[in-house]
């Protein structure tokens, strides 16, 4: 074997039984580097997640994405902590919320409990744009902003004259999805009736939209 220190490479000759010779060029490890290191994409994702989640949650996210440590092992809370500390990434610390702050960032479970609906309803709202949320990476918990404006849209009874989605689409002469897009953009007022036989979305389909949020 011949080592080239400047190029950090080695010329290796393998002599096989029978006399055949194979010659290979191998890259040497950089000084201070490790042969088994977690890929930089995973480290970058860990850096983003650590600003919002604790080590246990991060381990679950990385495992759902089938990511592995540099040694090929699945992530656990301890392995996330070890990697985070080795890369100088600070642990998650929940921000202090001022007493007069009415908005909160919640998971789908927390939002469902807060608003008195099923989690499946919250996911449907996210899909339809009735509530706003983000998912930092596939498999991560949703981060849903719940404030007084969202709470005001959840009620026991809809204002008189407000219509179901299908009825509103018919009155406005557009597709159901168009109505939902208008709700998402704030062009149409909407509430969600959460109890009883009238349960579901109700929309103010009149020309005047002074309505609930004037």
N, C-alpha and C. Protein backbone atom coordinates (compact mmCIF):
# COMPACT_ATOMS: atom_id res chain seq x y z
N UNK A 1 0.85 -1.19 0.00
CA UNK A 1 0.00 0.00 0.00
C UNK A 1 0.88 1.24 0.00
N UNK A 2 0.55 2.19 -0.86
CA UNK A 2 1.29 3.45 -0.94
C UNK A 2 0.35 4.59 -0.56
N UNK A 3 0.76 5.41 0.40
CA UNK A 3 -0.08 6.49 0.91
C UNK A 3 0.41 7.82 0.38
N UNK A 4 -0.53 8.61 -0.15
CA UNK A 4 -0.24 9.98 -0.58
C UNK A 4 -0.86 10.93 0.44
N UNK A 5 -0.04 11.46 1.34
CA UNK A 5 -0.55 12.28 2.43
C UNK A 5 -1.14 13.60 1.93
N UNK A 6 -0.56 14.14 0.85
CA UNK A 6 -1.06 15.41 0.34
C UNK A 6 -2.47 15.27 -0.22
N UNK A 7 -2.72 14.22 -0.98
CA UNK A 7 -4.02 14.00 -1.60
C UNK A 7 -4.97 13.21 -0.70
N UNK A 8 -4.45 12.79 0.45
CA UNK A 8 -5.25 12.00 1.40
C UNK A 8 -5.85 10.78 0.70
N UNK A 9 -4.99 10.00 0.03
CA UNK A 9 -5.43 8.81 -0.66
C UNK A 9 -4.38 7.72 -0.52
N UNK A 10 -4.79 6.50 -0.84
CA UNK A 10 -3.87 5.37 -0.74
C UNK A 10 -4.04 4.46 -1.94
N UNK A 11 -2.93 4.00 -2.48
CA UNK A 11 -2.96 3.03 -3.57
C UNK A 11 -2.79 1.64 -2.95
N UNK A 12 -3.79 0.80 -3.16
CA UNK A 12 -3.80 -0.53 -2.54
C UNK A 12 -3.73 -1.60 -3.61
N UNK A 13 -2.84 -2.55 -3.44
CA UNK A 13 -2.72 -3.68 -4.36
C UNK A 13 -3.19 -4.94 -3.65
N UNK A 14 -4.12 -5.66 -4.28
CA UNK A 14 -4.63 -6.92 -3.72
C UNK A 14 -4.14 -8.04 -4.61
N UNK A 15 -3.37 -8.96 -4.03
CA UNK A 15 -2.85 -10.10 -4.78
C UNK A 15 -3.73 -11.31 -4.48
N UNK A 16 -4.43 -11.80 -5.48
CA UNK A 16 -5.36 -12.91 -5.31
C UNK A 16 -4.63 -14.24 -5.45
N UNK A 17 -5.23 -15.26 -4.89
CA UNK A 17 -4.69 -16.61 -5.05
C UNK A 17 -4.70 -16.95 -6.54
N UNK A 18 -3.59 -17.35 -7.05
CA UNK A 18 -3.47 -17.60 -8.48
C UNK A 18 -2.61 -16.55 -9.16
N UNK A 19 -2.29 -15.45 -8.44
CA UNK A 19 -1.37 -14.47 -8.96
C UNK A 19 -1.98 -13.20 -9.52
N UNK A 20 -3.30 -13.14 -9.69
CA UNK A 20 -3.93 -11.93 -10.22
C UNK A 20 -3.79 -10.79 -9.22
N UNK A 21 -3.63 -9.56 -9.75
CA UNK A 21 -3.45 -8.38 -8.90
C UNK A 21 -4.52 -7.34 -9.22
N UNK A 22 -5.18 -6.83 -8.17
CA UNK A 22 -6.15 -5.74 -8.32
C UNK A 22 -5.59 -4.51 -7.62
N UNK A 23 -5.66 -3.36 -8.30
CA UNK A 23 -5.14 -2.12 -7.72
C UNK A 23 -6.30 -1.14 -7.51
N UNK A 24 -6.43 -0.59 -6.31
CA UNK A 24 -7.51 0.31 -5.95
C UNK A 24 -6.95 1.60 -5.37
N UNK A 25 -7.71 2.67 -5.56
CA UNK A 25 -7.38 3.95 -4.93
C UNK A 25 -8.45 4.23 -3.88
N UNK A 26 -8.05 4.44 -2.63
CA UNK A 26 -8.98 4.67 -1.54
C UNK A 26 -8.75 6.06 -0.94
N UNK A 27 -9.84 6.76 -0.70
CA UNK A 27 -9.75 8.06 -0.03
C UNK A 27 -9.52 7.82 1.45
N UNK A 28 -8.60 8.60 2.02
CA UNK A 28 -8.33 8.49 3.45
C UNK A 28 -9.22 9.44 4.22
N UNK A 29 -9.46 9.11 5.45
CA UNK A 29 -10.23 9.98 6.33
C UNK A 29 -9.52 11.31 6.52
N UNK A 30 -10.31 12.40 6.47
CA UNK A 30 -9.73 13.70 6.73
C UNK A 30 -9.31 13.79 8.20
N UNK A 31 -8.29 14.57 8.46
CA UNK A 31 -7.82 14.71 9.83
C UNK A 31 -8.94 15.23 10.72
N UNK A 32 -9.17 14.56 11.83
CA UNK A 32 -10.20 14.97 12.77
C UNK A 32 -11.59 14.49 12.41
N UNK A 33 -11.75 13.82 11.26
CA UNK A 33 -13.08 13.36 10.83
C UNK A 33 -13.32 11.94 11.31
N UNK A 34 -14.56 11.50 11.17
CA UNK A 34 -14.93 10.15 11.60
C UNK A 34 -15.38 9.36 10.39
N UNK A 35 -15.09 8.07 10.41
CA UNK A 35 -15.56 7.21 9.33
C UNK A 35 -17.08 7.11 9.38
N UNK A 36 -17.64 7.00 10.55
CA UNK A 36 -19.08 6.83 10.69
C UNK A 36 -19.68 8.11 11.24
N UNK A 37 -20.27 8.89 10.37
CA UNK A 37 -20.86 10.16 10.78
C UNK A 37 -22.27 10.26 10.23
N UNK A 38 -23.16 10.83 11.01
CA UNK A 38 -24.53 11.04 10.56
C UNK A 38 -24.53 12.01 9.39
N UNK A 39 -25.32 11.71 8.36
CA UNK A 39 -25.31 12.55 7.16
C UNK A 39 -25.76 13.97 7.50
N UNK A 40 -25.22 14.92 6.74
CA UNK A 40 -25.45 16.34 7.03
C UNK A 40 -26.89 16.75 6.84
N UNK A 41 -27.63 16.06 5.97
CA UNK A 41 -29.05 16.39 5.79
C UNK A 41 -29.83 16.12 7.07
N UNK A 42 -29.50 15.01 7.74
CA UNK A 42 -30.16 14.68 9.01
C UNK A 42 -29.76 15.66 10.10
N UNK A 43 -28.49 16.06 10.11
CA UNK A 43 -28.03 17.03 11.10
C UNK A 43 -28.74 18.37 10.90
N UNK A 44 -28.89 18.78 9.64
CA UNK A 44 -29.58 20.05 9.35
C UNK A 44 -31.04 19.98 9.79
N UNK A 45 -31.68 18.82 9.57
CA UNK A 45 -33.06 18.65 10.00
C UNK A 45 -33.15 18.68 11.52
N UNK A 46 -32.21 18.02 12.20
CA UNK A 46 -32.18 18.05 13.66
C UNK A 46 -32.06 19.48 14.17
N UNK A 47 -31.26 20.29 13.51
CA UNK A 47 -31.08 21.67 13.93
C UNK A 47 -32.41 22.44 13.84
N UNK A 48 -33.18 22.20 12.78
CA UNK A 48 -34.49 22.85 12.63
C UNK A 48 -35.49 22.36 13.67
N UNK A 49 -35.50 21.05 13.87
CA UNK A 49 -36.48 20.46 14.79
C UNK A 49 -36.20 20.85 16.24
N UNK A 50 -34.93 20.99 16.59
CA UNK A 50 -34.58 21.27 17.98
C UNK A 50 -35.09 22.62 18.45
N UNK A 51 -35.42 23.50 17.52
CA UNK A 51 -35.97 24.80 17.91
C UNK A 51 -37.42 24.68 18.35
N UNK A 52 -38.06 23.52 18.07
CA UNK A 52 -39.49 23.38 18.34
C UNK A 52 -39.86 22.14 19.16
N UNK A 53 -39.00 21.12 19.18
CA UNK A 53 -39.39 19.86 19.81
C UNK A 53 -38.30 19.33 20.74
N UNK A 54 -38.72 18.54 21.73
CA UNK A 54 -37.76 17.92 22.63
C UNK A 54 -37.13 16.69 21.96
N UNK A 55 -36.13 16.10 22.62
CA UNK A 55 -35.37 15.02 22.02
C UNK A 55 -36.22 13.78 21.75
N UNK A 56 -37.18 13.48 22.62
CA UNK A 56 -38.04 12.32 22.41
C UNK A 56 -38.88 12.48 21.15
N UNK A 57 -39.45 13.66 20.96
CA UNK A 57 -40.27 13.92 19.77
C UNK A 57 -39.42 13.87 18.51
N UNK A 58 -38.22 14.45 18.58
CA UNK A 58 -37.33 14.43 17.43
C UNK A 58 -36.95 13.00 17.06
N UNK A 59 -36.67 12.17 18.06
CA UNK A 59 -36.33 10.76 17.80
C UNK A 59 -37.48 10.05 17.07
N UNK A 60 -38.70 10.33 17.49
CA UNK A 60 -39.87 9.71 16.85
C UNK A 60 -40.00 10.17 15.39
N UNK A 61 -39.76 11.45 15.15
CA UNK A 61 -39.85 11.99 13.78
C UNK A 61 -38.79 11.35 12.89
N UNK A 62 -37.55 11.31 13.36
CA UNK A 62 -36.46 10.74 12.57
C UNK A 62 -36.69 9.25 12.32
N UNK A 63 -37.24 8.55 13.30
CA UNK A 63 -37.53 7.13 13.12
C UNK A 63 -38.62 6.91 12.08
N UNK A 64 -39.66 7.77 12.11
CA UNK A 64 -40.74 7.64 11.12
C UNK A 64 -40.21 7.88 9.71
N UNK A 65 -39.18 8.70 9.59
CA UNK A 65 -38.57 8.94 8.28
C UNK A 65 -37.50 7.90 7.95
N UNK A 66 -37.35 6.92 8.84
CA UNK A 66 -36.39 5.82 8.66
C UNK A 66 -34.96 6.33 8.51
N UNK A 67 -34.65 7.39 9.21
CA UNK A 67 -33.28 7.89 9.23
C UNK A 67 -32.46 7.12 10.26
N UNK A 68 -31.14 7.08 10.07
CA UNK A 68 -30.27 6.32 10.95
C UNK A 68 -29.08 7.18 11.38
N UNK A 69 -28.48 6.78 12.49
CA UNK A 69 -27.25 7.43 12.95
C UNK A 69 -26.11 7.03 12.02
N UNK A 70 -24.95 7.66 12.24
CA UNK A 70 -23.79 7.30 11.43
C UNK A 70 -23.40 5.84 11.57
N UNK A 71 -23.76 5.23 12.70
CA UNK A 71 -23.46 3.81 12.93
C UNK A 71 -24.57 2.90 12.39
N UNK A 72 -25.57 3.50 11.75
CA UNK A 72 -26.65 2.69 11.18
C UNK A 72 -27.73 2.30 12.17
N UNK A 73 -27.77 2.96 13.32
CA UNK A 73 -28.75 2.62 14.36
C UNK A 73 -29.95 3.55 14.29
N UNK A 74 -31.13 3.06 14.70
CA UNK A 74 -32.31 3.94 14.74
C UNK A 74 -32.13 4.99 15.83
N UNK A 75 -32.77 6.13 15.64
CA UNK A 75 -32.64 7.21 16.61
C UNK A 75 -33.49 6.95 17.86
N UNK A 76 -32.90 7.22 19.01
CA UNK A 76 -33.60 7.20 20.29
C UNK A 76 -33.39 8.58 20.93
N UNK A 77 -34.06 8.81 22.04
CA UNK A 77 -33.89 10.08 22.74
C UNK A 77 -32.42 10.30 23.09
N UNK A 78 -31.74 9.26 23.59
CA UNK A 78 -30.34 9.39 23.99
C UNK A 78 -29.44 9.67 22.79
N UNK A 79 -29.73 9.03 21.64
CA UNK A 79 -28.89 9.24 20.46
C UNK A 79 -29.11 10.61 19.86
N UNK A 80 -30.34 11.10 19.91
CA UNK A 80 -30.60 12.46 19.46
C UNK A 80 -29.84 13.45 20.34
N UNK A 81 -29.92 13.23 21.65
CA UNK A 81 -29.23 14.12 22.59
C UNK A 81 -27.73 14.11 22.33
N UNK A 82 -27.16 12.92 22.11
CA UNK A 82 -25.72 12.80 21.88
C UNK A 82 -25.31 13.54 20.60
N UNK A 83 -26.08 13.35 19.52
CA UNK A 83 -25.77 14.01 18.26
C UNK A 83 -25.94 15.52 18.38
N UNK A 84 -26.98 15.92 19.07
CA UNK A 84 -27.24 17.35 19.24
C UNK A 84 -26.09 18.03 19.98
N UNK A 85 -25.64 17.39 21.06
CA UNK A 85 -24.55 17.95 21.86
C UNK A 85 -23.24 17.95 21.08
N UNK A 86 -23.01 16.89 20.29
CA UNK A 86 -21.77 16.81 19.50
C UNK A 86 -21.71 17.90 18.45
N UNK A 87 -22.87 18.31 17.94
CA UNK A 87 -22.93 19.35 16.91
C UNK A 87 -23.22 20.74 17.48
N UNK A 88 -23.24 20.85 18.79
CA UNK A 88 -23.44 22.16 19.42
C UNK A 88 -24.82 22.74 19.20
N UNK A 89 -25.83 21.87 19.14
CA UNK A 89 -27.22 22.32 18.93
C UNK A 89 -27.92 22.40 20.28
N UNK A 90 -28.48 23.54 20.58
CA UNK A 90 -29.13 23.74 21.87
C UNK A 90 -30.41 22.91 21.98
N UNK A 91 -30.73 22.48 23.20
CA UNK A 91 -31.96 21.73 23.45
C UNK A 91 -33.16 22.66 23.36
N UNK A 92 -34.31 22.07 23.05
CA UNK A 92 -35.54 22.85 22.95
C UNK A 92 -35.90 23.44 24.31
N UNK A 93 -36.31 24.69 24.28
CA UNK A 93 -36.80 25.36 25.47
C UNK A 93 -38.09 26.07 25.12
N UNK A 94 -39.18 25.71 25.78
CA UNK A 94 -40.48 26.30 25.47
C UNK A 94 -40.44 27.79 25.75
N UNK A 95 -40.86 28.61 24.78
CA UNK A 95 -40.83 30.07 24.99
C UNK A 95 -41.86 30.49 26.03
N UNK A 96 -41.53 31.53 26.75
CA UNK A 96 -42.49 32.08 27.70
C UNK A 96 -43.55 32.88 26.96
N UNK A 97 -44.81 32.60 27.28
CA UNK A 97 -45.92 33.29 26.62
C UNK A 97 -46.44 34.38 27.54
N UNK A 98 -46.48 35.64 27.09
CA UNK A 98 -47.01 36.71 27.93
C UNK A 98 -48.43 36.42 28.38
N UNK A 99 -48.76 36.89 29.57
CA UNK A 99 -50.08 36.61 30.13
C UNK A 99 -51.21 37.13 29.25
N UNK A 100 -50.97 38.24 28.51
CA UNK A 100 -52.03 38.79 27.68
C UNK A 100 -52.02 38.25 26.26
N UNK A 101 -51.15 37.28 25.97
CA UNK A 101 -51.08 36.70 24.63
C UNK A 101 -52.17 35.64 24.48
N UNK A 102 -53.06 35.84 23.51
CA UNK A 102 -54.20 34.94 23.33
C UNK A 102 -53.95 33.87 22.27
N UNK A 103 -52.87 33.96 21.53
CA UNK A 103 -52.58 32.99 20.48
C UNK A 103 -51.64 31.91 21.01
N UNK A 104 -51.87 30.68 20.60
CA UNK A 104 -51.02 29.57 20.99
C UNK A 104 -50.76 28.69 19.78
N UNK A 105 -49.58 28.06 19.76
CA UNK A 105 -49.26 27.08 18.72
C UNK A 105 -49.48 25.70 19.32
N UNK A 106 -50.33 24.91 18.67
CA UNK A 106 -50.75 23.63 19.23
C UNK A 106 -50.58 22.50 18.22
N UNK A 107 -50.49 21.28 18.75
CA UNK A 107 -50.56 20.09 17.90
C UNK A 107 -52.01 19.85 17.53
N UNK A 108 -52.24 18.90 16.63
CA UNK A 108 -53.61 18.57 16.24
C UNK A 108 -54.41 18.07 17.43
N UNK A 109 -53.80 17.26 18.29
CA UNK A 109 -54.49 16.76 19.49
C UNK A 109 -54.88 17.91 20.41
N UNK A 110 -53.95 18.82 20.64
CA UNK A 110 -54.22 19.95 21.53
C UNK A 110 -55.29 20.86 20.95
N UNK A 111 -55.23 21.11 19.65
CA UNK A 111 -56.23 21.97 19.00
C UNK A 111 -57.61 21.34 19.08
N UNK A 112 -57.69 20.02 18.90
CA UNK A 112 -58.99 19.34 18.98
C UNK A 112 -59.59 19.48 20.37
N UNK A 113 -58.77 19.32 21.41
CA UNK A 113 -59.26 19.46 22.79
C UNK A 113 -59.66 20.91 23.05
N UNK A 114 -58.85 21.84 22.58
CA UNK A 114 -59.12 23.26 22.81
C UNK A 114 -60.44 23.70 22.17
N UNK A 115 -60.73 23.18 20.98
CA UNK A 115 -61.89 23.63 20.23
C UNK A 115 -63.10 22.71 20.36
N UNK A 116 -62.93 21.59 21.08
CA UNK A 116 -64.05 20.69 21.33
C UNK A 116 -64.52 19.92 20.12
N UNK A 117 -63.55 19.48 19.26
CA UNK A 117 -63.88 18.71 18.07
C UNK A 117 -62.97 17.49 18.00
N UNK A 118 -63.22 16.62 17.03
CA UNK A 118 -62.37 15.46 16.83
C UNK A 118 -61.09 15.86 16.10
N UNK A 119 -60.02 15.07 16.31
CA UNK A 119 -58.77 15.35 15.62
C UNK A 119 -58.93 15.25 14.11
N UNK A 120 -59.77 14.33 13.64
CA UNK A 120 -60.01 14.21 12.20
C UNK A 120 -60.61 15.50 11.64
N UNK A 121 -61.42 16.18 12.44
CA UNK A 121 -61.99 17.46 12.01
C UNK A 121 -60.89 18.50 11.86
N UNK A 122 -59.94 18.52 12.79
CA UNK A 122 -58.82 19.47 12.71
C UNK A 122 -58.01 19.22 11.44
N UNK A 123 -57.75 17.94 11.10
CA UNK A 123 -57.01 17.63 9.88
C UNK A 123 -57.79 18.09 8.65
N UNK A 124 -59.10 17.93 8.68
CA UNK A 124 -59.91 18.38 7.55
C UNK A 124 -59.84 19.90 7.42
N UNK A 125 -59.87 20.60 8.56
CA UNK A 125 -59.76 22.06 8.54
C UNK A 125 -58.42 22.49 7.95
N UNK A 126 -57.36 21.79 8.31
CA UNK A 126 -56.04 22.11 7.75
C UNK A 126 -56.05 21.93 6.24
N UNK A 127 -56.65 20.85 5.79
CA UNK A 127 -56.71 20.58 4.35
C UNK A 127 -57.54 21.64 3.62
N UNK A 128 -58.63 22.07 4.26
CA UNK A 128 -59.54 23.03 3.63
C UNK A 128 -59.12 24.48 3.83
N UNK A 129 -58.14 24.72 4.72
CA UNK A 129 -57.71 26.08 4.98
C UNK A 129 -58.54 26.82 6.00
N UNK A 130 -59.41 26.09 6.74
CA UNK A 130 -60.23 26.73 7.75
C UNK A 130 -59.38 27.17 8.94
N UNK A 131 -58.33 26.40 9.24
CA UNK A 131 -57.31 26.81 10.21
C UNK A 131 -55.95 26.74 9.52
N UNK A 132 -54.98 27.45 10.07
CA UNK A 132 -53.65 27.52 9.46
C UNK A 132 -52.64 26.78 10.33
N UNK A 133 -51.83 25.96 9.69
CA UNK A 133 -50.79 25.24 10.43
C UNK A 133 -49.63 24.90 9.51
N UNK A 134 -48.56 24.40 10.09
CA UNK A 134 -47.40 23.98 9.32
C UNK A 134 -46.85 22.69 9.89
N UNK A 135 -46.22 21.92 9.01
CA UNK A 135 -45.54 20.69 9.40
C UNK A 135 -44.10 20.84 8.93
N UNK A 136 -43.16 20.92 9.86
CA UNK A 136 -41.78 21.24 9.51
C UNK A 136 -41.15 20.21 8.60
N UNK A 137 -41.58 18.95 8.74
CA UNK A 137 -41.05 17.86 7.93
C UNK A 137 -42.05 16.71 8.00
N UNK A 138 -42.12 15.85 6.99
CA UNK A 138 -43.06 14.72 7.06
C UNK A 138 -42.88 13.90 8.33
N UNK A 139 -44.00 13.62 9.01
CA UNK A 139 -43.94 12.86 10.25
C UNK A 139 -43.86 13.71 11.50
N UNK A 140 -43.61 15.01 11.33
CA UNK A 140 -43.54 15.91 12.49
C UNK A 140 -44.95 16.31 12.91
N UNK A 141 -45.17 16.62 14.19
CA UNK A 141 -46.48 17.10 14.64
C UNK A 141 -46.83 18.40 13.94
N UNK A 142 -48.10 18.58 13.67
CA UNK A 142 -48.56 19.85 13.10
C UNK A 142 -48.40 20.96 14.14
N UNK A 143 -48.08 22.15 13.67
CA UNK A 143 -48.02 23.35 14.51
C UNK A 143 -49.14 24.27 14.04
N UNK A 144 -50.21 24.32 14.82
CA UNK A 144 -51.44 25.01 14.43
C UNK A 144 -51.63 26.24 15.32
N UNK A 145 -51.82 27.38 14.69
CA UNK A 145 -51.99 28.62 15.45
C UNK A 145 -53.47 28.77 15.82
N UNK A 146 -53.73 28.80 17.12
CA UNK A 146 -55.09 28.97 17.64
C UNK A 146 -55.14 30.30 18.39
N UNK A 147 -55.97 31.22 17.88
CA UNK A 147 -56.14 32.50 18.55
C UNK A 147 -57.63 32.80 18.71
N UNK A 148 -57.95 33.99 19.18
CA UNK A 148 -59.35 34.33 19.42
C UNK A 148 -60.18 34.34 18.14
N UNK A 149 -59.55 34.69 17.02
CA UNK A 149 -60.28 34.69 15.75
C UNK A 149 -60.71 33.27 15.37
N UNK A 150 -59.82 32.30 15.60
CA UNK A 150 -60.17 30.90 15.32
C UNK A 150 -61.25 30.43 16.29
N UNK A 151 -61.09 30.74 17.56
CA UNK A 151 -62.08 30.33 18.56
C UNK A 151 -63.46 30.89 18.23
N UNK A 152 -63.50 32.12 17.68
CA UNK A 152 -64.78 32.75 17.36
C UNK A 152 -65.49 32.03 16.23
N UNK A 153 -64.73 31.28 15.40
CA UNK A 153 -65.34 30.57 14.29
C UNK A 153 -65.99 29.25 14.70
N UNK A 154 -65.75 28.82 15.95
CA UNK A 154 -66.32 27.57 16.43
C UNK A 154 -67.49 27.92 17.35
N UNK A 155 -68.69 27.47 17.01
CA UNK A 155 -69.86 27.90 17.77
C UNK A 155 -70.88 26.78 17.87
N UNK A 156 -71.90 27.02 18.67
CA UNK A 156 -72.98 26.05 18.85
C UNK A 156 -74.06 26.22 17.78
N UNK A 157 -74.26 27.44 17.34
CA UNK A 157 -75.28 27.73 16.32
C UNK A 157 -74.73 28.75 15.33
N UNK A 158 -75.04 28.56 14.05
CA UNK A 158 -74.58 29.49 13.03
C UNK A 158 -75.50 30.71 12.97
N UNK A 159 -74.97 31.86 12.56
CA UNK A 159 -75.84 33.03 12.36
C UNK A 159 -76.96 32.70 11.36
N UNK A 160 -78.08 33.33 11.54
CA UNK A 160 -79.23 33.06 10.68
C UNK A 160 -78.90 33.38 9.22
N UNK A 161 -79.27 32.47 8.34
CA UNK A 161 -79.08 32.68 6.92
C UNK A 161 -77.76 32.16 6.37
N UNK A 162 -76.85 31.74 7.24
CA UNK A 162 -75.58 31.20 6.77
C UNK A 162 -75.82 29.78 6.26
N UNK A 163 -75.10 29.39 5.21
CA UNK A 163 -75.42 28.17 4.45
C UNK A 163 -74.36 27.09 4.60
N UNK A 164 -74.80 25.84 4.35
CA UNK A 164 -73.86 24.74 4.25
C UNK A 164 -72.96 24.95 3.04
N UNK A 165 -71.85 24.24 3.00
CA UNK A 165 -70.87 24.40 1.92
C UNK A 165 -71.51 24.19 0.55
N UNK A 166 -72.26 23.10 0.41
CA UNK A 166 -72.88 22.80 -0.88
C UNK A 166 -73.87 23.87 -1.29
N UNK A 167 -74.64 24.36 -0.31
CA UNK A 167 -75.63 25.40 -0.60
C UNK A 167 -74.94 26.71 -0.99
N UNK A 168 -73.88 27.04 -0.27
CA UNK A 168 -73.14 28.27 -0.58
C UNK A 168 -72.55 28.21 -1.98
N UNK A 169 -71.99 27.05 -2.35
CA UNK A 169 -71.42 26.89 -3.69
C UNK A 169 -72.49 27.10 -4.76
N UNK A 170 -73.70 26.57 -4.51
CA UNK A 170 -74.79 26.70 -5.47
C UNK A 170 -75.23 28.15 -5.59
N UNK A 171 -75.38 28.84 -4.46
CA UNK A 171 -75.81 30.23 -4.46
C UNK A 171 -74.79 31.12 -5.18
N UNK A 172 -73.50 30.86 -4.93
CA UNK A 172 -72.44 31.67 -5.51
C UNK A 172 -72.09 31.27 -6.94
N UNK A 173 -72.58 30.08 -7.34
CA UNK A 173 -72.32 29.61 -8.70
C UNK A 173 -70.89 29.19 -8.94
N UNK A 174 -70.25 28.65 -7.90
CA UNK A 174 -68.86 28.19 -8.02
C UNK A 174 -68.74 26.78 -7.43
N UNK A 175 -67.57 26.18 -7.60
CA UNK A 175 -67.33 24.85 -7.06
C UNK A 175 -67.11 24.92 -5.55
N UNK A 176 -67.31 23.79 -4.87
CA UNK A 176 -67.11 23.72 -3.42
C UNK A 176 -65.69 24.14 -3.05
N UNK A 177 -64.70 23.67 -3.83
CA UNK A 177 -63.31 23.99 -3.51
C UNK A 177 -63.04 25.48 -3.65
N UNK A 178 -63.73 26.14 -4.60
CA UNK A 178 -63.57 27.59 -4.76
C UNK A 178 -64.09 28.32 -3.52
N UNK A 179 -65.21 27.83 -2.98
CA UNK A 179 -65.75 28.42 -1.76
C UNK A 179 -64.73 28.28 -0.63
N UNK A 180 -64.14 27.10 -0.51
CA UNK A 180 -63.15 26.88 0.55
C UNK A 180 -61.93 27.79 0.36
N UNK A 181 -61.52 27.99 -0.87
CA UNK A 181 -60.39 28.89 -1.13
C UNK A 181 -60.73 30.32 -0.73
N UNK A 182 -61.98 30.73 -0.99
CA UNK A 182 -62.40 32.07 -0.61
C UNK A 182 -62.44 32.22 0.91
N UNK A 183 -62.85 31.16 1.60
CA UNK A 183 -62.83 31.18 3.07
C UNK A 183 -61.39 31.30 3.55
N UNK A 184 -60.49 30.53 2.93
CA UNK A 184 -59.08 30.53 3.33
C UNK A 184 -58.45 31.91 3.14
N UNK A 185 -58.84 32.60 2.06
CA UNK A 185 -58.27 33.92 1.77
C UNK A 185 -58.99 35.04 2.53
N UNK A 186 -60.03 34.70 3.28
CA UNK A 186 -60.76 35.72 4.02
C UNK A 186 -61.79 36.46 3.20
N UNK A 187 -62.12 35.96 2.02
CA UNK A 187 -63.10 36.61 1.15
C UNK A 187 -64.53 36.24 1.53
N UNK A 188 -64.68 35.13 2.24
CA UNK A 188 -65.99 34.71 2.73
C UNK A 188 -65.88 34.41 4.22
N UNK A 189 -66.87 34.82 4.99
CA UNK A 189 -66.91 34.50 6.41
C UNK A 189 -67.47 33.09 6.60
N UNK A 190 -66.94 32.38 7.57
CA UNK A 190 -67.40 31.02 7.84
C UNK A 190 -67.26 30.70 9.32
N UNK A 191 -68.14 29.83 9.81
CA UNK A 191 -68.06 29.30 11.16
C UNK A 191 -68.24 27.79 11.08
N UNK A 192 -67.88 27.12 12.17
CA UNK A 192 -68.10 25.68 12.26
C UNK A 192 -69.01 25.41 13.44
N UNK A 193 -70.18 24.82 13.16
CA UNK A 193 -71.12 24.40 14.21
C UNK A 193 -70.68 23.02 14.67
N UNK A 194 -70.33 22.91 15.95
CA UNK A 194 -69.67 21.68 16.39
C UNK A 194 -70.58 20.65 17.04
N UNK A 195 -71.86 20.96 17.24
CA UNK A 195 -72.73 20.01 17.93
C UNK A 195 -74.07 19.87 17.22
N UNK A 196 -74.72 18.74 17.50
CA UNK A 196 -76.09 18.54 17.04
C UNK A 196 -76.20 18.16 15.58
N UNK A 197 -77.43 18.14 15.09
CA UNK A 197 -77.70 17.72 13.72
C UNK A 197 -77.21 18.75 12.70
N UNK A 198 -77.05 19.99 13.13
CA UNK A 198 -76.59 21.04 12.22
C UNK A 198 -75.06 21.15 12.19
N UNK A 199 -74.38 20.15 12.75
CA UNK A 199 -72.92 20.15 12.83
C UNK A 199 -72.29 20.30 11.45
N UNK A 200 -71.27 21.16 11.35
CA UNK A 200 -70.55 21.33 10.09
C UNK A 200 -70.29 22.79 9.77
N UNK A 201 -69.70 23.02 8.60
CA UNK A 201 -69.32 24.36 8.17
C UNK A 201 -70.54 25.15 7.72
N UNK A 202 -70.58 26.44 8.11
CA UNK A 202 -71.63 27.35 7.66
C UNK A 202 -70.97 28.61 7.10
N UNK A 203 -71.47 29.08 5.97
CA UNK A 203 -70.81 30.16 5.23
C UNK A 203 -71.80 31.28 4.96
N UNK A 204 -71.34 32.50 5.12
CA UNK A 204 -72.14 33.68 4.78
C UNK A 204 -71.96 33.92 3.27
N UNK A 205 -72.98 33.60 2.51
CA UNK A 205 -72.86 33.61 1.05
C UNK A 205 -73.50 34.83 0.43
N UNK A 206 -73.84 35.86 1.21
CA UNK A 206 -74.41 37.07 0.68
C UNK A 206 -73.32 37.95 0.10
N UNK A 207 -73.74 38.96 -0.67
CA UNK A 207 -72.76 39.88 -1.27
C UNK A 207 -72.04 40.67 -0.20
N UNK A 208 -72.78 41.09 0.84
CA UNK A 208 -72.17 41.85 1.92
C UNK A 208 -71.46 40.90 2.86
N UNK A 209 -70.21 41.18 3.19
CA UNK A 209 -69.45 40.31 4.08
C UNK A 209 -69.06 41.03 5.36
N UNK A 210 -69.92 41.96 5.80
CA UNK A 210 -69.62 42.65 7.06
C UNK A 210 -69.56 41.63 8.17
N UNK A 211 -70.63 40.87 8.31
CA UNK A 211 -70.70 39.63 9.08
C UNK A 211 -69.97 39.61 10.41
N UNK A 212 -69.45 38.43 10.68
CA UNK A 212 -68.91 38.12 12.00
C UNK A 212 -67.66 38.92 12.32
N UNK A 213 -66.83 39.24 11.30
CA UNK A 213 -65.52 39.80 11.58
C UNK A 213 -65.42 41.28 11.26
N UNK A 214 -66.56 41.96 11.14
CA UNK A 214 -66.52 43.39 10.84
C UNK A 214 -65.82 44.14 11.96
